[in-house]
Amino acid sequence: MTAQNELRLLPWSGPEDKPCYLSTNDRGGYMSRLADAIESEQLEAAAELLKQAAETLGDERACPEDMQLLAKELAGALRDVLRVATTRGHLLEASEPHSI
């Protein structure tokens, strides 16, 4: 088992929206690859949503309900992207050689 600061934050939540962590030193293992694939999908979805947001915001006919839905979707995408950034930042820190 790895130390607490080496646990990988996974790109999904557990019960009650609590974070899930993976304890492994094998970055090529099944769960690590699954997490990498889901993170990639989340980033792609966020990029697509950003394009849609630009279109919706530029549409004079967009109603308040459209804007509210857009805001909810953007908030969810932002949550996912921040989780990916946090995870990848921790992975970078863990892979850097420690100097004494």
PDB file of N, CA and C in Angstrom:
ATOM      1  N   MET A   1       0.855  -1.184   0.000  1.00  0.00           N
ATOM      2  CA  MET A   1       0.000   0.000   0.000  1.00  0.00           C
ATOM      3  C   MET A   1       0.895   1.240   0.000  1.00  0.00           C
ATOM      4  N   THR A   2       0.464   2.254  -0.710  1.00  0.00           N
ATOM      5  CA  THR A   2       1.255   3.478  -0.805  1.00  0.00           C
ATOM      6  C   THR A   2       0.880   4.435   0.314  1.00  0.00           C
ATOM      7  N   ALA A   3       1.731   5.437   0.502  1.00  0.00           N
ATOM      8  CA  ALA A   3       1.454   6.460   1.517  1.00  0.00           C
ATOM      9  C   ALA A   3       0.250   7.292   1.097  1.00  0.00           C
ATOM     10  N   GLN A   4      -0.388   7.947   2.059  1.00  0.00           N
ATOM     11  CA  GLN A   4      -1.588   8.749   1.797  1.00  0.00           C
ATOM     12  C   GLN A   4      -1.373   9.763   0.689  1.00  0.00           C
ATOM     13  N   ASN A   5      -0.204  10.426   0.665  1.00  0.00           N
ATOM     14  CA  ASN A   5       0.034  11.441  -0.350  1.00  0.00           C
ATOM     15  C   ASN A   5       0.307  10.835  -1.719  1.00  0.00           C
ATOM     16  N   GLU A   6       0.425   9.506  -1.806  1.00  0.00           N
ATOM     17  CA  GLU A   6       0.642   8.838  -3.079  1.00  0.00           C
ATOM     18  C   GLU A   6      -0.619   8.155  -3.598  1.00  0.00           C
ATOM     19  N   LEU A   7      -1.718   8.273  -2.888  1.00  0.00           N
ATOM     20  CA  LEU A   7      -2.963   7.704  -3.369  1.00  0.00           C
ATOM     21  C   LEU A   7      -3.433   8.489  -4.580  1.00  0.00           C
ATOM     22  N   ARG A   8      -3.988   7.801  -5.547  1.00  0.00           N
ATOM     23  CA  ARG A   8      -4.477   8.467  -6.754  1.00  0.00           C
ATOM     24  C   ARG A   8      -5.960   8.780  -6.594  1.00  0.00           C
ATOM     25  N   LEU A   9      -6.285  10.039  -6.766  1.00  0.00           N
ATOM     26  CA  LEU A   9      -7.684  10.465  -6.782  1.00  0.00           C
ATOM     27  C   LEU A   9      -8.293   9.984  -8.081  1.00  0.00           C
ATOM     28  N   LEU A  10      -9.355   9.204  -7.987  1.00  0.00           N
ATOM     29  CA  LEU A  10      -9.998   8.659  -9.176  1.00  0.00           C
ATOM     30  C   LEU A  10     -11.015   9.641  -9.744  1.00  0.00           C
ATOM     31  N   PRO A  11     -11.302   9.529 -11.042  1.00  0.00           N
ATOM     32  CA  PRO A  11     -12.177  10.510 -11.694  1.00  0.00           C
ATOM     33  C   PRO A  11     -13.665  10.254 -11.496  1.00  0.00           C
ATOM     34  N   TRP A  12     -14.025   9.589 -10.444  1.00  0.00           N
ATOM     35  CA  TRP A  12     -15.429   9.390 -10.111  1.00  0.00           C
ATOM     36  C   TRP A  12     -15.586   9.487  -8.607  1.00  0.00           C
ATOM     37  N   SER A  13     -16.803   9.683  -8.175  1.00  0.00           N
ATOM     38  CA  SER A  13     -17.086   9.818  -6.742  1.00  0.00           C
ATOM     39  C   SER A  13     -17.714   8.545  -6.213  1.00  0.00           C
ATOM     40  N   GLY A  14     -17.597   8.374  -4.929  1.00  0.00           N
ATOM     41  CA  GLY A  14     -18.213   7.251  -4.264  1.00  0.00           C
ATOM     42  C   GLY A  14     -19.553   7.653  -3.670  1.00  0.00           C
ATOM     43  N   PRO A  15     -20.052   6.843  -2.753  1.00  0.00           N
ATOM     44  CA  PRO A  15     -21.317   7.175  -2.089  1.00  0.00           C
ATOM     45  C   PRO A  15     -21.253   8.554  -1.435  1.00  0.00           C
ATOM     46  N   GLU A  16     -22.348   9.249  -1.464  1.00  0.00           N
ATOM     47  CA  GLU A  16     -22.467  10.587  -0.890  1.00  0.00           C
ATOM     48  C   GLU A  16     -21.478  11.570  -1.521  1.00  0.00           C
ATOM     49  N   ASP A  17     -21.106  11.307  -2.765  1.00  0.00           N
ATOM     50  CA  ASP A  17     -20.208  12.169  -3.543  1.00  0.00           C
ATOM     51  C   ASP A  17     -18.830  12.324  -2.896  1.00  0.00           C
ATOM     52  N   LYS A  18     -18.404  11.310  -2.142  1.00  0.00           N
ATOM     53  CA  LYS A  18     -17.081  11.345  -1.521  1.00  0.00           C
ATOM     54  C   LYS A  18     -16.029  10.900  -2.532  1.00  0.00           C
ATOM     55  N   PRO A  19     -14.810  11.439  -2.420  1.00  0.00           N
ATOM     56  CA  PRO A  19     -13.761  11.063  -3.371  1.00  0.00           C
ATOM     57  C   PRO A  19     -13.365   9.598  -3.226  1.00  0.00           C
ATOM     58  N   CYS A  20     -12.938   9.012  -4.341  1.00  0.00           N
ATOM     59  CA  CYS A  20     -12.430   7.639  -4.360  1.00  0.00           C
ATOM     60  C   CYS A  20     -10.943   7.696  -4.673  1.00  0.00           C
ATOM     61  N   TYR A  21     -10.186   6.831  -4.045  1.00  0.00           N
ATOM     62  CA  TYR A  21      -8.744   6.796  -4.238  1.00  0.00           C
ATOM     63  C   TYR A  21      -8.294   5.393  -4.619  1.00  0.00           C
ATOM     64  N   LEU A  22      -7.190   5.341  -5.352  1.00  0.00           N
ATOM     65  CA  LEU A  22      -6.581   4.076  -5.738  1.00  0.00           C
ATOM     66  C   LEU A  22      -5.208   3.994  -5.089  1.00  0.00           C
ATOM     67  N   SER A  23      -4.951   2.893  -4.435  1.00  0.00           N
ATOM     68  CA  SER A  23      -3.658   2.665  -3.814  1.00  0.00           C
ATOM     69  C   SER A  23      -2.923   1.594  -4.610  1.00  0.00           C
ATOM     70  N   THR A  24      -1.991   2.039  -5.457  1.00  0.00           N
ATOM     71  CA  THR A  24      -1.200   1.109  -6.245  1.00  0.00           C
ATOM     72  C   THR A  24       0.064   1.810  -6.724  1.00  0.00           C
ATOM     73  N   ASN A  25       1.079   1.035  -6.943  1.00  0.00           N
ATOM     74  CA  ASN A  25       2.307   1.555  -7.534  1.00  0.00           C
ATOM     75  C   ASN A  25       2.361   1.242  -9.026  1.00  0.00           C
ATOM     76  N   ASP A  26       1.346   0.553  -9.529  1.00  0.00           N
ATOM     77  CA  ASP A  26       1.311   0.098 -10.919  1.00  0.00           C
ATOM     78  C   ASP A  26       0.472   1.044 -11.765  1.00  0.00           C
ATOM     79  N   ARG A  27       1.121   2.000 -12.407  1.00  0.00           N
ATOM     80  CA  ARG A  27       0.393   2.958 -13.246  1.00  0.00           C
ATOM     81  C   ARG A  27      -0.132   2.323 -14.527  1.00  0.00           C
ATOM     82  N   GLY A  28       0.313   1.117 -14.830  1.00  0.00           N
ATOM     83  CA  GLY A  28      -0.160   0.414 -16.020  1.00  0.00           C
ATOM     84  C   GLY A  28      -1.221  -0.619 -15.709  1.00  0.00           C
ATOM     85  N   GLY A  29      -1.650  -0.685 -14.440  1.00  0.00           N
ATOM     86  CA  GLY A  29      -2.660  -1.655 -14.042  1.00  0.00           C
ATOM     87  C   GLY A  29      -4.043  -1.301 -14.583  1.00  0.00           C
ATOM     88  N   TYR A  30      -4.954  -2.263 -14.479  1.00  0.00           N
ATOM     89  CA  TYR A  30      -6.298  -2.092 -15.028  1.00  0.00           C
ATOM     90  C   TYR A  30      -6.988  -0.840 -14.495  1.00  0.00           C
ATOM     91  N   MET A  31      -7.011  -0.650 -13.186  1.00  0.00           N
ATOM     92  CA  MET A  31      -7.723   0.499 -12.610  1.00  0.00           C
ATOM     93  C   MET A  31      -7.051   1.823 -12.993  1.00  0.00           C
ATOM     94  N   SER A  32      -5.736   1.847 -13.073  1.00  0.00           N
ATOM     95  CA  SER A  32      -5.038   3.057 -13.489  1.00  0.00           C
ATOM     96  C   SER A  32      -5.366   3.395 -14.938  1.00  0.00           C
ATOM     97  N   ARG A  33      -5.376   2.382 -15.793  1.00  0.00           N
ATOM     98  CA  ARG A  33      -5.714   2.621 -17.206  1.00  0.00           C
ATOM     99  C   ARG A  33      -7.174   3.040 -17.355  1.00  0.00           C
ATOM    100  N   LEU A  34      -8.067   2.439 -16.572  1.00  0.00           N
ATOM    101  CA  LEU A  34      -9.481   2.824 -16.605  1.00  0.00           C
ATOM    102  C   LEU A  34      -9.630   4.280 -16.179  1.00  0.00           C
ATOM    103  N   ALA A  35      -8.959   4.667 -15.113  1.00  0.00           N
ATOM    104  CA  ALA A  35      -9.014   6.057 -14.647  1.00  0.00           C
ATOM    105  C   ALA A  35      -8.455   7.002 -15.713  1.00  0.00           C
ATOM    106  N   ASP A  36      -7.348   6.611 -16.364  1.00  0.00           N
ATOM    107  CA  ASP A  36      -6.783   7.437 -17.435  1.00  0.00           C
ATOM    108  C   ASP A  36      -7.781   7.616 -18.573  1.00  0.00           C
ATOM    109  N   ALA A  37      -8.456   6.539 -18.958  1.00  0.00           N
ATOM    110  CA  ALA A  37      -9.431   6.595 -20.057  1.00  0.00           C
ATOM    111  C   ALA A  37     -10.614   7.483 -19.697  1.00  0.00           C
ATOM    112  N   ILE A  38     -11.107   7.368 -18.485  1.00  0.00           N
ATOM    113  CA  ILE A  38     -12.241   8.192 -18.057  1.00  0.00           C
ATOM    114  C   ILE A  38     -11.829   9.658 -17.984  1.00  0.00           C
ATOM    115  N   GLU A  39     -10.636   9.930 -17.470  1.00  0.00           N
ATOM    116  CA  GLU A  39     -10.145  11.314 -17.427  1.00  0.00           C
ATOM    117  C   GLU A  39     -10.064  11.890 -18.837  1.00  0.00           C
ATOM    118  N   SER A  40      -9.580  11.110 -19.781  1.00  0.00           N
ATOM    119  CA  SER A  40      -9.485  11.566 -21.164  1.00  0.00           C
ATOM    120  C   SER A  40     -10.870  11.894 -21.717  1.00  0.00           C
ATOM    121  N   GLU A  41     -11.840  11.037 -21.450  1.00  0.00           N
ATOM    122  CA  GLU A  41     -13.216  11.288 -21.889  1.00  0.00           C
ATOM    123  C   GLU A  41     -13.781  12.551 -21.240  1.00  0.00           C
ATOM    124  N   GLN A  42     -13.488  12.750 -19.973  1.00  0.00           N
ATOM    125  CA  GLN A  42     -13.981  13.942 -19.274  1.00  0.00           C
ATOM    126  C   GLN A  42     -13.395  15.212 -19.891  1.00  0.00           C
ATOM    127  N   LEU A  43     -12.107  15.186 -20.228  1.00  0.00           N
ATOM    128  CA  LEU A  43     -11.473  16.356 -20.833  1.00  0.00           C
ATOM    129  C   LEU A  43     -12.041  16.629 -22.221  1.00  0.00           C
ATOM    130  N   GLU A  44     -12.277  15.578 -22.989  1.00  0.00           N
ATOM    131  CA  GLU A  44     -12.878  15.742 -24.314  1.00  0.00           C
ATOM    132  C   GLU A  44     -14.291  16.302 -24.202  1.00  0.00           C
ATOM    133  N   ALA A  45     -15.062  15.782 -23.253  1.00  0.00           N
ATOM    134  CA  ALA A  45     -16.427  16.273 -23.057  1.00  0.00           C
ATOM    135  C   ALA A  45     -16.421  17.747 -22.648  1.00  0.00           C
ATOM    136  N   ALA A  46     -15.485  18.138 -21.805  1.00  0.00           N
ATOM    137  CA  ALA A  46     -15.384  19.536 -21.374  1.00  0.00           C
ATOM    138  C   ALA A  46     -15.043  20.434 -22.564  1.00  0.00           C
ATOM    139  N   ALA A  47     -14.165  19.978 -23.440  1.00  0.00           N
ATOM    140  CA  ALA A  47     -13.801  20.767 -24.620  1.00  0.00           C
ATOM    141  C   ALA A  47     -15.014  20.940 -25.541  1.00  0.00           C
ATOM    142  N   GLU A  48     -15.788  19.882 -25.716  1.00  0.00           N
ATOM    143  CA  GLU A  48     -17.007  19.974 -26.538  1.00  0.00           C
ATOM    144  C   GLU A  48     -18.020  20.916 -25.896  1.00  0.00           C
ATOM    145  N   LEU A  49     -18.183  20.810 -24.602  1.00  0.00           N
ATOM    146  CA  LEU A  49     -19.127  21.673 -23.890  1.00  0.00           C
ATOM    147  C   LEU A  49     -18.712  23.135 -24.001  1.00  0.00           C
ATOM    148  N   LEU A  50     -17.435  23.394 -23.979  1.00  0.00           N
ATOM    149  CA  LEU A  50     -16.949  24.765 -24.127  1.00  0.00           C
ATOM    150  C   LEU A  50     -17.349  25.334 -25.492  1.00  0.00           C
ATOM    151  N   LYS A  51     -17.248  24.513 -26.530  1.00  0.00           N
ATOM    152  CA  LYS A  51     -17.687  24.943 -27.862  1.00  0.00           C
ATOM    153  C   LYS A  51     -19.190  25.240 -27.862  1.00  0.00           C
ATOM    154  N   GLN A  52     -19.969  24.334 -27.253  1.00  0.00           N
ATOM    155  CA  GLN A  52     -21.416  24.526 -27.175  1.00  0.00           C
ATOM    156  C   GLN A  52     -21.752  25.779 -26.382  1.00  0.00           C
ATOM    157  N   ALA A  53     -20.995  26.044 -25.329  1.00  0.00           N
ATOM    158  CA  ALA A  53     -21.241  27.225 -24.502  1.00  0.00           C
ATOM    159  C   ALA A  53     -21.051  28.492 -25.319  1.00  0.00           C
ATOM    160  N   ALA A  54     -20.013  28.520 -26.131  1.00  0.00           N
ATOM    161  CA  ALA A  54     -19.772  29.692 -26.972  1.00  0.00           C
ATOM    162  C   ALA A  54     -20.938  29.920 -27.927  1.00  0.00           C
ATOM    163  N   GLU A  55     -21.463  28.844 -28.480  1.00  0.00           N
ATOM    164  CA  GLU A  55     -22.613  28.957 -29.382  1.00  0.00           C
ATOM    165  C   GLU A  55     -23.856  29.440 -28.638  1.00  0.00           C
ATOM    166  N   THR A  56     -24.117  28.849 -27.480  1.00  0.00           N
ATOM    167  CA  THR A  56     -25.308  29.211 -26.706  1.00  0.00           C
ATOM    168  C   THR A  56     -25.232  30.656 -26.242  1.00  0.00           C
ATOM    169  N   LEU A  57     -24.071  31.064 -25.756  1.00  0.00           N
ATOM    170  CA  LEU A  57     -23.920  32.443 -25.281  1.00  0.00           C
ATOM    171  C   LEU A  57     -24.040  33.454 -26.417  1.00  0.00           C
ATOM    172  N   GLY A  58     -23.721  33.026 -27.634  1.00  0.00           N
ATOM    173  CA  GLY A  58     -23.841  33.913 -28.780  1.00  0.00           C
ATOM    174  C   GLY A  58     -25.216  33.902 -29.427  1.00  0.00           C
ATOM    175  N   ASP A  59     -26.095  33.051 -28.909  1.00  0.00           N
ATOM    176  CA  ASP A  59     -27.445  32.916 -29.471  1.00  0.00           C
ATOM    177  C   ASP A  59     -28.400  33.853 -28.745  1.00  0.00           C
ATOM    178  N   GLU A  60     -28.874  34.848 -29.437  1.00  0.00           N
ATOM    179  CA  GLU A  60     -29.790  35.823 -28.832  1.00  0.00           C
ATOM    180  C   GLU A  60     -31.127  35.190 -28.448  1.00  0.00           C
ATOM    181  N   ARG A  61     -31.445  34.052 -29.060  1.00  0.00           N
ATOM    182  CA  ARG A  61     -32.724  33.388 -28.776  1.00  0.00           C
ATOM    183  C   ARG A  61     -32.654  32.431 -27.592  1.00  0.00           C
ATOM    184  N   ALA A  62     -31.473  32.262 -27.011  1.00  0.00           N
ATOM    185  CA  ALA A  62     -31.321  31.338 -25.875  1.00  0.00           C
ATOM    186  C   ALA A  62     -32.147  31.847 -24.700  1.00  0.00           C
ATOM    187  N   CYS A  63     -32.945  30.943 -24.161  1.00  0.00           N
ATOM    188  CA  CYS A  63     -33.834  31.321 -23.059  1.00  0.00           C
ATOM    189  C   CYS A  63     -33.133  31.102 -21.709  1.00  0.00           C
ATOM    190  N   PRO A  64     -33.706  31.619 -20.641  1.00  0.00           N
ATOM    191  CA  PRO A  64     -33.092  31.433 -19.309  1.00  0.00           C
ATOM    192  C   PRO A  64     -32.910  29.959 -18.941  1.00  0.00           C
ATOM    193  N   GLU A  65     -33.827  29.118 -19.365  1.00  0.00           N
ATOM    194  CA  GLU A  65     -33.696  27.681 -19.066  1.00  0.00           C
ATOM    195  C   GLU A  65     -32.461  27.096 -19.763  1.00  0.00           C
ATOM    196  N   ASP A  66     -32.211  27.546 -21.007  1.00  0.00           N
ATOM    197  CA  ASP A  66     -31.010  27.095 -21.720  1.00  0.00           C
ATOM    198  C   ASP A  66     -29.754  27.536 -20.979  1.00  0.00           C
ATOM    199  N   MET A  67     -29.762  28.763 -20.509  1.00  0.00           N
ATOM    200  CA  MET A  67     -28.600  29.297 -19.795  1.00  0.00           C
ATOM    201  C   MET A  67     -28.394  28.569 -18.464  1.00  0.00           C
ATOM    202  N   GLN A  68     -29.482  28.247 -17.788  1.00  0.00           N
ATOM    203  CA  GLN A  68     -29.370  27.524 -16.515  1.00  0.00           C
ATOM    204  C   GLN A  68     -28.813  26.122 -16.747  1.00  0.00           C
ATOM    205  N   LEU A  69     -29.300  25.447 -17.780  1.00  0.00           N
ATOM    206  CA  LEU A  69     -28.780  24.119 -18.109  1.00  0.00           C
ATOM    207  C   LEU A  69     -27.302  24.206 -18.477  1.00  0.00           C
ATOM    208  N   LEU A  70     -26.938  25.200 -19.269  1.00  0.00           N
ATOM    209  CA  LEU A  70     -25.547  25.400 -19.643  1.00  0.00           C
ATOM    210  C   LEU A  70     -24.678  25.606 -18.404  1.00  0.00           C
ATOM    211  N   ALA A  71     -25.143  26.427 -17.481  1.00  0.00           N
ATOM    212  CA  ALA A  71     -24.375  26.684 -16.254  1.00  0.00           C
ATOM    213  C   ALA A  71     -24.188  25.404 -15.445  1.00  0.00           C
ATOM    214  N   LYS A  72     -25.220  24.582 -15.343  1.00  0.00           N
ATOM    215  CA  LYS A  72     -25.109  23.310 -14.609  1.00  0.00           C
ATOM    216  C   LYS A  72     -24.112  22.374 -15.285  1.00  0.00           C
ATOM    217  N   GLU A  73     -24.197  22.292 -16.613  1.00  0.00           N
ATOM    218  CA  GLU A  73     -23.278  21.418 -17.341  1.00  0.00           C
ATOM    219  C   GLU A  73     -21.841  21.918 -17.248  1.00  0.00           C
ATOM    220  N   LEU A  74     -21.652  23.227 -17.337  1.00  0.00           N
ATOM    221  CA  LEU A  74     -20.308  23.791 -17.205  1.00  0.00           C
ATOM    222  C   LEU A  74     -19.745  23.559 -15.811  1.00  0.00           C
ATOM    223  N   ALA A  75     -20.586  23.691 -14.787  1.00  0.00           N
ATOM    224  CA  ALA A  75     -20.131  23.449 -13.415  1.00  0.00           C
ATOM    225  C   ALA A  75     -19.687  21.988 -13.247  1.00  0.00           C
ATOM    226  N   GLY A  76     -20.438  21.064 -13.804  1.00  0.00           N
ATOM    227  CA  GLY A  76     -20.060  19.651 -13.730  1.00  0.00           C
ATOM    228  C   GLY A  76     -18.758  19.383 -14.466  1.00  0.00           C
ATOM    229  N   ALA A  77     -18.606  19.977 -15.648  1.00  0.00           N
ATOM    230  CA  ALA A  77     -17.380  19.795 -16.418  1.00  0.00           C
ATOM    231  C   ALA A  77     -16.185  20.406 -15.691  1.00  0.00           C
ATOM    232  N   LEU A  78     -16.391  21.562 -15.083  1.00  0.00           N
ATOM    233  CA  LEU A  78     -15.320  22.207 -14.325  1.00  0.00           C
ATOM    234  C   LEU A  78     -14.901  21.332 -13.140  1.00  0.00           C
ATOM    235  N   ARG A  79     -15.866  20.744 -12.451  1.00  0.00           N
ATOM    236  CA  ARG A  79     -15.558  19.826 -11.343  1.00  0.00           C
ATOM    237  C   ARG A  79     -14.697  18.673 -11.837  1.00  0.00           C
ATOM    238  N   ASP A  80     -15.086  18.083 -12.979  1.00  0.00           N
ATOM    239  CA  ASP A  80     -14.329  16.956 -13.524  1.00  0.00           C
ATOM    240  C   ASP A  80     -12.920  17.365 -13.924  1.00  0.00           C
ATOM    241  N   VAL A  81     -12.787  18.500 -14.594  1.00  0.00           N
ATOM    242  CA  VAL A  81     -11.478  18.967 -15.056  1.00  0.00           C
ATOM    243  C   VAL A  81     -10.578  19.303 -13.864  1.00  0.00           C
ATOM    244  N   LEU A  82     -11.140  19.899 -12.824  1.00  0.00           N
ATOM    245  CA  LEU A  82     -10.335  20.190 -11.627  1.00  0.00           C
ATOM    246  C   LEU A  82      -9.859  18.906 -10.964  1.00  0.00           C
ATOM    247  N   ARG A  83     -10.704  17.888 -10.954  1.00  0.00           N
ATOM    248  CA  ARG A  83     -10.304  16.603 -10.378  1.00  0.00           C
ATOM    249  C   ARG A  83      -9.174  15.996 -11.198  1.00  0.00           C
ATOM    250  N   VAL A  84      -9.280  16.063 -12.523  1.00  0.00           N
ATOM    251  CA  VAL A  84      -8.213  15.549 -13.388  1.00  0.00           C
ATOM    252  C   VAL A  84      -6.915  16.321 -13.135  1.00  0.00           C
ATOM    253  N   ALA A  85      -7.009  17.650 -13.059  1.00  0.00           N
ATOM    254  CA  ALA A  85      -5.816  18.466 -12.823  1.00  0.00           C
ATOM    255  C   ALA A  85      -5.184  18.130 -11.470  1.00  0.00           C
ATOM    256  N   THR A  86      -5.997  17.948 -10.464  1.00  0.00           N
ATOM    257  CA  THR A  86      -5.486  17.591  -9.138  1.00  0.00           C
ATOM    258  C   THR A  86      -4.787  16.244  -9.182  1.00  0.00           C
ATOM    259  N   THR A  87      -5.423  15.272  -9.812  1.00  0.00           N
ATOM    260  CA  THR A  87      -4.847  13.934  -9.913  1.00  0.00           C
ATOM    261  C   THR A  87      -3.521  13.969 -10.648  1.00  0.00           C
ATOM    262  N   ARG A  88      -3.511  14.637 -11.788  1.00  0.00           N
ATOM    263  CA  ARG A  88      -2.290  14.668 -12.601  1.00  0.00           C
ATOM    264  C   ARG A  88      -1.188  15.454 -11.911  1.00  0.00           C
ATOM    265  N   GLY A  89      -1.552  16.467 -11.165  1.00  0.00           N
ATOM    266  CA  GLY A  89      -0.558  17.198 -10.388  1.00  0.00           C
ATOM    267  C   GLY A  89       0.068  16.314  -9.331  1.00  0.00           C
ATOM    268  N   HIS A  90      -0.750  15.509  -8.673  1.00  0.00           N
ATOM    269  CA  HIS A  90      -0.226  14.589  -7.663  1.00  0.00           C
ATOM    270  C   HIS A  90       0.636  13.512  -8.305  1.00  0.00           C
ATOM    271  N   LEU A  91       0.237  13.033  -9.484  1.00  0.00           N
ATOM    272  CA  LEU A  91       1.042  12.023 -10.169  1.00  0.00           C
ATOM    273  C   LEU A  91       2.399  12.590 -10.563  1.00  0.00           C
ATOM    274  N   LEU A  92       2.418  13.853 -11.003  1.00  0.00           N
ATOM    275  CA  LEU A  92       3.690  14.487 -11.353  1.00  0.00           C
ATOM    276  C   LEU A  92       4.582  14.621 -10.135  1.00  0.00           C
ATOM    277  N   GLU A  93       3.986  15.046  -9.014  1.00  0.00           N
ATOM    278  CA  GLU A  93       4.760  15.198  -7.775  1.00  0.00           C
ATOM    279  C   GLU A  93       5.339  13.854  -7.338  1.00  0.00           C
ATOM    280  N   ALA A  94       4.531  12.801  -7.453  1.00  0.00           N
ATOM    281  CA  ALA A  94       4.978  11.484  -7.013  1.00  0.00           C
ATOM    282  C   ALA A  94       6.082  10.929  -7.890  1.00  0.00           C
ATOM    283  N   SER A  95       6.111  11.337  -9.173  1.00  0.00           N
ATOM    284  CA  SER A  95       7.123  10.797 -10.084  1.00  0.00           C
ATOM    285  C   SER A  95       8.419  11.600 -10.083  1.00  0.00           C
ATOM    286  N   GLU A  96       8.401  12.804  -9.493  1.00  0.00           N
ATOM    287  CA  GLU A  96       9.602  13.624  -9.435  1.00  0.00           C
ATOM    288  C   GLU A  96      10.563  13.051  -8.400  1.00  0.00           C
ATOM    289  N   PRO A  97      11.860  13.039  -8.731  1.00  0.00           N
ATOM    290  CA  PRO A  97      12.836  12.543  -7.747  1.00  0.00           C
ATOM    291  C   PRO A  97      12.884  13.498  -6.543  1.00  0.00           C
ATOM    292  N   HIS A  98      12.950  12.920  -5.386  1.00  0.00           N
ATOM    293  CA  HIS A  98      13.008  13.719  -4.157  1.00  0.00           C
ATOM    294  C   HIS A  98      14.449  14.035  -3.821  1.00  0.00           C
ATOM    295  N   SER A  99      14.732  15.301  -3.593  1.00  0.00           N
ATOM    296  CA  SER A  99      16.093  15.690  -3.215  1.00  0.00           C
ATOM    297  C   SER A  99      16.165  15.822  -1.695  1.00  0.00           C
ATOM    298  N   ILE A 100      17.312  15.525  -1.174  1.00  0.00           N
ATOM    299  CA  ILE A 100      17.498  15.586   0.278  1.00  0.00           C
ATOM    300  C   ILE A 100      18.264  16.821   0.648  1.00  0.00           C
TER     301      ILE A 100
END
